Amino acid sequence: MAILPTISTFFILLSAILVAIGWRLIVKGKETSHKKVMISAAISALIFFIIYASRTIFVGNTSFGGPDELKVFYTIFLVFHIILATTGAVFGIVTLVLAFKRRISVHRKVGPVTSIIWFFTAITGIMVYLLLYVLYDGGETTSLIKAILGT
């Protein structure tokens, strides 16, 4: 299952790229293309979440395996990323609902904020991936189910 973090990180990067393309399309007045690309971005983010949640539940989370003196900084960074990701997901859902309900004037105000939050979420998510799997060897992995059941 070592490939799952790479696959999920790919989908979060893809979602951010699609959001950037969608933003450019709406600036150019291409509403139909904008809608298609933004739905694709949302699907990409959803695929990321499904992979991430499944891996967390069944395989577990990988602890930071880098130097102990960096662990506190990594943890602070990870908490910042988690707050961004949660906020970005909520804003993303709200932004999509506004668009589908054709509340375009509010969607136009919330959309750019959502996009910026999502860009930072993707960047920090990629950095977490690099710190856990590329720059340092991953630490211990314990599944959520094992952690809850104590087995």
N, C-alpha and C. Protein backbone atom coordinates (compact mmCIF):
# COMPACT_ATOMS: atom_id res chain seq x y z
N MET A 1 0.81 -1.21 0.00
CA MET A 1 0.00 0.00 0.00
C MET A 1 0.85 1.28 0.00
N ALA A 2 2.14 1.13 -0.21
CA ALA A 2 3.02 2.29 -0.19
C ALA A 2 2.72 3.29 -1.31
N ILE A 3 2.03 2.85 -2.33
CA ILE A 3 1.73 3.72 -3.47
C ILE A 3 0.54 4.65 -3.18
N LEU A 4 -0.30 4.31 -2.21
CA LEU A 4 -1.50 5.10 -1.95
C LEU A 4 -1.22 6.57 -1.62
N PRO A 5 -0.22 6.88 -0.78
CA PRO A 5 0.05 8.31 -0.53
C PRO A 5 0.44 9.07 -1.80
N THR A 6 1.17 8.41 -2.67
CA THR A 6 1.57 9.05 -3.94
C THR A 6 0.35 9.29 -4.81
N ILE A 7 -0.53 8.31 -4.90
CA ILE A 7 -1.74 8.46 -5.71
C ILE A 7 -2.63 9.55 -5.14
N SER A 8 -2.84 9.55 -3.83
CA SER A 8 -3.72 10.56 -3.24
C SER A 8 -3.13 11.96 -3.40
N THR A 9 -1.82 12.08 -3.26
CA THR A 9 -1.17 13.38 -3.44
C THR A 9 -1.30 13.85 -4.89
N PHE A 10 -1.21 12.93 -5.83
CA PHE A 10 -1.43 13.28 -7.24
C PHE A 10 -2.81 13.90 -7.43
N PHE A 11 -3.83 13.32 -6.81
CA PHE A 11 -5.19 13.82 -6.99
C PHE A 11 -5.40 15.19 -6.33
N ILE A 12 -4.72 15.46 -5.24
CA ILE A 12 -4.86 16.78 -4.62
C ILE A 12 -4.14 17.82 -5.48
N LEU A 13 -3.00 17.44 -6.05
CA LEU A 13 -2.30 18.35 -6.97
C LEU A 13 -3.15 18.59 -8.21
N LEU A 14 -3.72 17.52 -8.76
CA LEU A 14 -4.58 17.65 -9.93
C LEU A 14 -5.77 18.58 -9.65
N SER A 15 -6.36 18.44 -8.47
CA SER A 15 -7.50 19.30 -8.14
C SER A 15 -7.10 20.77 -8.11
N ALA A 16 -5.92 21.06 -7.55
CA ALA A 16 -5.46 22.45 -7.50
C ALA A 16 -5.17 23.00 -8.90
N ILE A 17 -4.58 22.18 -9.76
CA ILE A 17 -4.32 22.60 -11.14
C ILE A 17 -5.63 22.87 -11.86
N LEU A 18 -6.61 21.99 -11.66
CA LEU A 18 -7.92 22.19 -12.30
C LEU A 18 -8.62 23.44 -11.77
N VAL A 19 -8.49 23.72 -10.49
CA VAL A 19 -9.07 24.96 -9.94
C VAL A 19 -8.42 26.17 -10.61
N ALA A 20 -7.11 26.14 -10.77
CA ALA A 20 -6.41 27.25 -11.43
C ALA A 20 -6.90 27.42 -12.88
N ILE A 21 -7.06 26.31 -13.57
CA ILE A 21 -7.56 26.36 -14.96
C ILE A 21 -8.99 26.90 -14.97
N GLY A 22 -9.80 26.41 -14.04
CA GLY A 22 -11.19 26.88 -13.95
C GLY A 22 -11.28 28.36 -13.67
N TRP A 23 -10.42 28.85 -12.80
CA TRP A 23 -10.39 30.28 -12.49
C TRP A 23 -10.05 31.07 -13.76
N ARG A 24 -9.07 30.61 -14.49
CA ARG A 24 -8.67 31.28 -15.73
C ARG A 24 -9.82 31.28 -16.75
N LEU A 25 -10.53 30.16 -16.83
CA LEU A 25 -11.64 30.05 -17.79
C LEU A 25 -12.76 31.04 -17.46
N ILE A 26 -13.08 31.20 -16.19
CA ILE A 26 -14.18 32.10 -15.84
C ILE A 26 -13.76 33.55 -16.07
N VAL A 27 -12.48 33.84 -15.86
CA VAL A 27 -11.99 35.19 -16.15
C VAL A 27 -12.15 35.51 -17.63
N LYS A 28 -11.98 34.48 -18.47
CA LYS A 28 -12.13 34.65 -19.92
C LYS A 28 -13.59 34.57 -20.37
N GLY A 29 -14.52 34.35 -19.40
CA GLY A 29 -15.94 34.30 -19.73
C GLY A 29 -16.42 32.98 -20.29
N LYS A 30 -15.64 31.94 -20.12
CA LYS A 30 -16.01 30.62 -20.65
C LYS A 30 -16.71 29.82 -19.54
N GLU A 31 -17.98 30.15 -19.31
CA GLU A 31 -18.72 29.59 -18.18
C GLU A 31 -18.93 28.08 -18.27
N THR A 32 -19.25 27.58 -19.44
CA THR A 32 -19.49 26.14 -19.58
C THR A 32 -18.21 25.35 -19.31
N SER A 33 -17.11 25.79 -19.86
CA SER A 33 -15.83 25.13 -19.63
C SER A 33 -15.42 25.24 -18.16
N HIS A 34 -15.66 26.42 -17.58
CA HIS A 34 -15.37 26.64 -16.16
C HIS A 34 -16.11 25.61 -15.30
N LYS A 35 -17.39 25.45 -15.58
CA LYS A 35 -18.20 24.52 -14.80
C LYS A 35 -17.66 23.09 -14.90
N LYS A 36 -17.34 22.65 -16.10
CA LYS A 36 -16.82 21.30 -16.31
C LYS A 36 -15.50 21.09 -15.58
N VAL A 37 -14.61 22.06 -15.68
CA VAL A 37 -13.29 21.93 -15.05
C VAL A 37 -13.42 21.96 -13.52
N MET A 38 -14.29 22.81 -13.01
CA MET A 38 -14.45 22.89 -11.55
C MET A 38 -15.11 21.63 -10.99
N ILE A 39 -16.03 21.04 -11.73
CA ILE A 39 -16.61 19.76 -11.30
C ILE A 39 -15.52 18.69 -11.31
N SER A 40 -14.67 18.71 -12.32
CA SER A 40 -13.54 17.76 -12.37
C SER A 40 -12.60 17.98 -11.19
N ALA A 41 -12.37 19.23 -10.82
CA ALA A 41 -11.52 19.53 -9.66
C ALA A 41 -12.15 18.97 -8.39
N ALA A 42 -13.46 19.13 -8.25
CA ALA A 42 -14.15 18.61 -7.07
C ALA A 42 -14.10 17.08 -7.03
N ILE A 43 -14.26 16.44 -8.18
CA ILE A 43 -14.17 14.98 -8.24
C ILE A 43 -12.76 14.52 -7.88
N SER A 44 -11.76 15.23 -8.37
CA SER A 44 -10.38 14.90 -8.04
C SER A 44 -10.13 15.03 -6.54
N ALA A 45 -10.65 16.08 -5.93
CA ALA A 45 -10.51 16.26 -4.48
C ALA A 45 -11.25 15.16 -3.72
N LEU A 46 -12.40 14.76 -4.23
CA LEU A 46 -13.16 13.68 -3.60
C LEU A 46 -12.41 12.35 -3.70
N ILE A 47 -11.80 12.08 -4.85
CA ILE A 47 -11.00 10.86 -5.00
C ILE A 47 -9.85 10.88 -3.99
N PHE A 48 -9.19 12.04 -3.86
CA PHE A 48 -8.15 12.17 -2.84
C PHE A 48 -8.70 11.79 -1.47
N PHE A 49 -9.84 12.37 -1.10
CA PHE A 49 -10.39 12.15 0.23
C PHE A 49 -10.75 10.68 0.45
N ILE A 50 -11.32 10.04 -0.55
CA ILE A 50 -11.69 8.62 -0.42
C ILE A 50 -10.44 7.76 -0.20
N ILE A 51 -9.40 8.02 -0.97
CA ILE A 51 -8.15 7.27 -0.80
C ILE A 51 -7.55 7.55 0.58
N TYR A 52 -7.50 8.82 0.95
CA TYR A 52 -6.92 9.21 2.24
C TYR A 52 -7.69 8.61 3.41
N ALA A 53 -9.01 8.72 3.38
CA ALA A 53 -9.83 8.20 4.48
C ALA A 53 -9.73 6.68 4.56
N SER A 54 -9.77 6.01 3.42
CA SER A 54 -9.65 4.55 3.40
C SER A 54 -8.31 4.11 3.96
N ARG A 55 -7.27 4.76 3.53
CA ARG A 55 -5.93 4.42 4.01
C ARG A 55 -5.82 4.68 5.50
N THR A 56 -6.37 5.80 5.96
CA THR A 56 -6.31 6.12 7.38
C THR A 56 -7.04 5.08 8.22
N ILE A 57 -8.21 4.66 7.76
CA ILE A 57 -9.00 3.70 8.52
C ILE A 57 -8.38 2.30 8.50
N PHE A 58 -8.00 1.84 7.32
CA PHE A 58 -7.58 0.44 7.19
C PHE A 58 -6.07 0.20 7.31
N VAL A 59 -5.26 1.15 6.87
CA VAL A 59 -3.81 0.98 6.94
C VAL A 59 -3.25 1.80 8.08
N GLY A 60 -3.67 3.05 8.18
CA GLY A 60 -3.22 3.93 9.26
C GLY A 60 -2.51 5.15 8.75
N ASN A 61 -2.14 5.98 9.68
CA ASN A 61 -1.36 7.17 9.37
C ASN A 61 0.10 6.91 9.67
N THR A 62 0.95 7.51 8.90
CA THR A 62 2.39 7.35 9.09
C THR A 62 2.89 8.51 9.94
N SER A 63 3.62 8.19 10.99
CA SER A 63 4.19 9.24 11.83
C SER A 63 5.43 9.81 11.16
N PHE A 64 5.82 10.99 11.60
CA PHE A 64 7.00 11.66 11.07
C PHE A 64 8.24 10.85 11.42
N GLY A 65 9.04 10.52 10.42
CA GLY A 65 10.23 9.71 10.63
C GLY A 65 11.52 10.50 10.56
N GLY A 66 11.39 11.82 10.46
CA GLY A 66 12.58 12.65 10.38
C GLY A 66 13.22 12.87 11.73
N PRO A 67 14.19 13.76 11.78
CA PRO A 67 14.92 14.03 13.02
C PRO A 67 13.99 14.53 14.14
N ASP A 68 14.27 14.09 15.36
CA ASP A 68 13.45 14.49 16.51
C ASP A 68 13.36 16.00 16.68
N GLU A 69 14.44 16.70 16.36
CA GLU A 69 14.44 18.17 16.54
C GLU A 69 13.49 18.87 15.56
N LEU A 70 13.06 18.18 14.50
CA LEU A 70 12.11 18.77 13.56
C LEU A 70 10.67 18.33 13.82
N LYS A 71 10.48 17.37 14.70
CA LYS A 71 9.15 16.78 14.93
C LYS A 71 8.13 17.83 15.37
N VAL A 72 8.50 18.72 16.27
CA VAL A 72 7.55 19.73 16.75
C VAL A 72 7.16 20.68 15.61
N PHE A 73 8.11 21.03 14.77
CA PHE A 73 7.81 21.91 13.63
C PHE A 73 6.91 21.21 12.62
N TYR A 74 7.19 19.92 12.38
CA TYR A 74 6.35 19.14 11.48
C TYR A 74 4.93 19.07 12.03
N THR A 75 4.79 18.82 13.32
CA THR A 75 3.47 18.70 13.92
C THR A 75 2.68 20.00 13.81
N ILE A 76 3.32 21.12 14.06
CA ILE A 76 2.65 22.43 13.91
C ILE A 76 2.23 22.63 12.47
N PHE A 77 3.13 22.30 11.55
CA PHE A 77 2.83 22.43 10.12
C PHE A 77 1.67 21.53 9.73
N LEU A 78 1.66 20.30 10.24
CA LEU A 78 0.59 19.35 9.94
C LEU A 78 -0.76 19.85 10.46
N VAL A 79 -0.77 20.39 11.66
CA VAL A 79 -2.01 20.95 12.21
C VAL A 79 -2.51 22.10 11.34
N PHE A 80 -1.60 22.96 10.92
CA PHE A 80 -1.95 24.06 10.01
C PHE A 80 -2.55 23.51 8.72
N HIS A 81 -1.95 22.47 8.16
CA HIS A 81 -2.47 21.85 6.94
C HIS A 81 -3.86 21.26 7.17
N ILE A 82 -4.05 20.59 8.28
CA ILE A 82 -5.35 19.97 8.57
C ILE A 82 -6.44 21.04 8.71
N ILE A 83 -6.12 22.14 9.36
CA ILE A 83 -7.09 23.25 9.48
C ILE A 83 -7.41 23.82 8.11
N LEU A 84 -6.39 24.03 7.29
CA LEU A 84 -6.59 24.52 5.92
C LEU A 84 -7.44 23.55 5.11
N ALA A 85 -7.13 22.27 5.19
CA ALA A 85 -7.85 21.26 4.41
C ALA A 85 -9.32 21.19 4.82
N THR A 86 -9.58 21.23 6.10
CA THR A 86 -10.95 21.19 6.59
C THR A 86 -11.71 22.43 6.15
N THR A 87 -11.09 23.59 6.32
CA THR A 87 -11.71 24.85 5.90
C THR A 87 -11.93 24.85 4.39
N GLY A 88 -10.93 24.40 3.64
CA GLY A 88 -11.04 24.35 2.19
C GLY A 88 -12.15 23.43 1.72
N ALA A 89 -12.30 22.29 2.40
CA ALA A 89 -13.37 21.35 2.03
C ALA A 89 -14.74 21.96 2.28
N VAL A 90 -14.91 22.61 3.42
CA VAL A 90 -16.20 23.25 3.73
C VAL A 90 -16.49 24.37 2.73
N PHE A 91 -15.50 25.21 2.48
CA PHE A 91 -15.68 26.28 1.50
C PHE A 91 -15.97 25.70 0.12
N GLY A 92 -15.29 24.61 -0.23
CA GLY A 92 -15.51 23.98 -1.53
C GLY A 92 -16.94 23.50 -1.69
N ILE A 93 -17.45 22.84 -0.68
CA ILE A 93 -18.84 22.35 -0.73
C ILE A 93 -19.81 23.52 -0.84
N VAL A 94 -19.59 24.55 -0.03
CA VAL A 94 -20.47 25.73 -0.08
C VAL A 94 -20.41 26.38 -1.46
N THR A 95 -19.22 26.52 -2.01
CA THR A 95 -19.05 27.15 -3.31
C THR A 95 -19.75 26.35 -4.41
N LEU A 96 -19.62 25.04 -4.35
CA LEU A 96 -20.31 24.19 -5.33
C LEU A 96 -21.83 24.28 -5.19
N VAL A 97 -22.32 24.26 -3.97
CA VAL A 97 -23.77 24.36 -3.74
C VAL A 97 -24.29 25.69 -4.27
N LEU A 98 -23.56 26.76 -3.99
CA LEU A 98 -23.97 28.08 -4.50
C LEU A 98 -24.05 28.07 -6.02
N ALA A 99 -23.08 27.46 -6.67
CA ALA A 99 -23.08 27.40 -8.14
C ALA A 99 -24.25 26.59 -8.66
N PHE A 100 -24.47 25.42 -8.07
CA PHE A 100 -25.56 24.55 -8.54
C PHE A 100 -26.94 25.14 -8.28
N LYS A 101 -27.03 25.96 -7.22
CA LYS A 101 -28.31 26.62 -6.92
C LYS A 101 -28.46 27.94 -7.70
N ARG A 102 -27.45 28.22 -8.53
CA ARG A 102 -27.44 29.41 -9.39
C ARG A 102 -27.43 30.70 -8.57
N ARG A 103 -26.81 30.67 -7.41
CA ARG A 103 -26.62 31.87 -6.60
C ARG A 103 -25.27 32.46 -6.98
N ILE A 104 -25.20 32.89 -8.23
CA ILE A 104 -23.93 33.25 -8.86
C ILE A 104 -23.27 34.47 -8.21
N SER A 105 -24.06 35.45 -7.78
CA SER A 105 -23.44 36.64 -7.18
C SER A 105 -22.68 36.29 -5.91
N VAL A 106 -23.22 35.40 -5.10
CA VAL A 106 -22.52 34.96 -3.89
C VAL A 106 -21.38 34.01 -4.26
N HIS A 107 -21.62 33.15 -5.24
CA HIS A 107 -20.59 32.22 -5.71
C HIS A 107 -19.36 32.99 -6.19
N ARG A 108 -19.57 34.10 -6.88
CA ARG A 108 -18.45 34.90 -7.38
C ARG A 108 -17.62 35.50 -6.25
N LYS A 109 -18.26 35.77 -5.12
CA LYS A 109 -17.53 36.32 -3.97
C LYS A 109 -16.79 35.25 -3.19
N VAL A 110 -17.42 34.09 -3.04
CA VAL A 110 -16.85 33.01 -2.24
C VAL A 110 -15.82 32.20 -3.04
N GLY A 111 -16.03 32.04 -4.33
CA GLY A 111 -15.17 31.21 -5.17
C GLY A 111 -13.69 31.56 -5.10
N PRO A 112 -13.32 32.82 -5.27
CA PRO A 112 -11.89 33.15 -5.20
C PRO A 112 -11.26 32.83 -3.84
N VAL A 113 -12.01 33.07 -2.77
CA VAL A 113 -11.51 32.76 -1.43
C VAL A 113 -11.30 31.25 -1.30
N THR A 114 -12.27 30.50 -1.77
CA THR A 114 -12.18 29.04 -1.75
C THR A 114 -10.96 28.57 -2.54
N SER A 115 -10.75 29.14 -3.70
CA SER A 115 -9.61 28.75 -4.55
C SER A 115 -8.29 29.00 -3.84
N ILE A 116 -8.16 30.15 -3.23
CA ILE A 116 -6.90 30.49 -2.55
C ILE A 116 -6.65 29.54 -1.38
N ILE A 117 -7.70 29.25 -0.61
CA ILE A 117 -7.56 28.29 0.49
C ILE A 117 -7.14 26.94 -0.07
N TRP A 118 -7.76 26.54 -1.20
CA TRP A 118 -7.45 25.23 -1.78
C TRP A 118 -6.01 25.16 -2.30
N PHE A 119 -5.53 26.26 -2.88
CA PHE A 119 -4.14 26.28 -3.34
C PHE A 119 -3.18 26.05 -2.17
N PHE A 120 -3.41 26.75 -1.06
CA PHE A 120 -2.56 26.57 0.12
C PHE A 120 -2.70 25.16 0.70
N THR A 121 -3.92 24.63 0.65
CA THR A 121 -4.14 23.25 1.12
C THR A 121 -3.32 22.28 0.29
N ALA A 122 -3.38 22.42 -1.02
CA ALA A 122 -2.64 21.52 -1.91
C ALA A 122 -1.13 21.66 -1.69
N ILE A 123 -0.65 22.88 -1.60
CA ILE A 123 0.79 23.10 -1.40
C ILE A 123 1.26 22.48 -0.09
N THR A 124 0.51 22.74 1.00
CA THR A 124 0.93 22.18 2.28
C THR A 124 0.76 20.66 2.30
N GLY A 125 -0.25 20.14 1.60
CA GLY A 125 -0.43 18.69 1.51
C GLY A 125 0.72 18.01 0.79
N ILE A 126 1.17 18.64 -0.28
CA ILE A 126 2.33 18.10 -1.01
C ILE A 126 3.58 18.16 -0.14
N MET A 127 3.71 19.23 0.63
CA MET A 127 4.86 19.34 1.54
C MET A 127 4.82 18.25 2.62
N VAL A 128 3.63 17.97 3.16
CA VAL A 128 3.50 16.88 4.13
C VAL A 128 3.93 15.57 3.49
N TYR A 129 3.46 15.32 2.28
CA TYR A 129 3.84 14.10 1.55
C TYR A 129 5.37 14.02 1.40
N LEU A 130 5.98 15.12 0.98
CA LEU A 130 7.43 15.12 0.79
C LEU A 130 8.17 14.85 2.10
N LEU A 131 7.69 15.46 3.19
CA LEU A 131 8.33 15.25 4.49
C LEU A 131 8.16 13.82 5.00
N LEU A 132 7.02 13.21 4.71
CA LEU A 132 6.75 11.86 5.22
C LEU A 132 7.34 10.75 4.36
N TYR A 133 7.40 10.97 3.05
CA TYR A 133 7.73 9.85 2.17
C TYR A 133 8.93 10.06 1.25
N VAL A 134 9.38 11.30 1.10
CA VAL A 134 10.47 11.56 0.16
C VAL A 134 11.73 12.02 0.90
N LEU A 135 11.62 13.08 1.68
CA LEU A 135 12.80 13.62 2.35
C LEU A 135 13.27 12.75 3.51
N TYR A 136 12.33 12.11 4.20
CA TYR A 136 12.66 11.24 5.33
C TYR A 136 11.90 9.93 5.18
N ASP A 137 12.42 8.90 5.78
CA ASP A 137 11.70 7.63 5.83
C ASP A 137 10.53 7.79 6.78
N GLY A 138 9.38 7.27 6.38
CA GLY A 138 8.20 7.36 7.23
C GLY A 138 8.40 6.65 8.55
N GLY A 139 7.74 7.15 9.56
CA GLY A 139 7.79 6.51 10.88
C GLY A 139 6.81 5.36 10.94
N GLU A 140 6.38 5.05 12.14
CA GLU A 140 5.47 3.94 12.38
C GLU A 140 4.09 4.23 11.81
N THR A 141 3.42 3.19 11.30
CA THR A 141 2.06 3.30 10.78
C THR A 141 1.16 2.38 11.59
N THR A 142 0.09 2.94 12.13
CA THR A 142 -0.88 2.15 12.88
C THR A 142 -2.26 2.47 12.35
N SER A 143 -3.07 1.44 12.12
CA SER A 143 -4.41 1.69 11.60
C SER A 143 -5.31 2.24 12.68
N LEU A 144 -6.27 3.02 12.27
CA LEU A 144 -7.23 3.62 13.19
C LEU A 144 -7.99 2.53 13.93
N ILE A 145 -8.36 1.49 13.21
CA ILE A 145 -9.11 0.39 13.83
C ILE A 145 -8.26 -0.28 14.92
N LYS A 146 -6.99 -0.53 14.64
CA LYS A 146 -6.11 -1.14 15.65
C LYS A 146 -5.90 -0.19 16.83
N ALA A 147 -5.77 1.09 16.53
CA ALA A 147 -5.58 2.06 17.61
C ALA A 147 -6.82 2.11 18.52
N ILE A 148 -8.01 2.07 17.93
CA ILE A 148 -9.25 2.11 18.71
C ILE A 148 -9.43 0.83 19.52
N LEU A 149 -9.19 -0.32 18.88
CA LEU A 149 -9.42 -1.61 19.55
C LEU A 149 -8.25 -2.02 20.44
N GLY A 150 -7.13 -1.32 20.32
CA GLY A 150 -5.98 -1.63 21.15
C GLY A 150 -5.29 -2.94 20.80
N THR A 151 -5.41 -3.36 19.55
CA THR A 151 -4.78 -4.62 19.15
C THR A 151 -3.50 -4.39 18.39
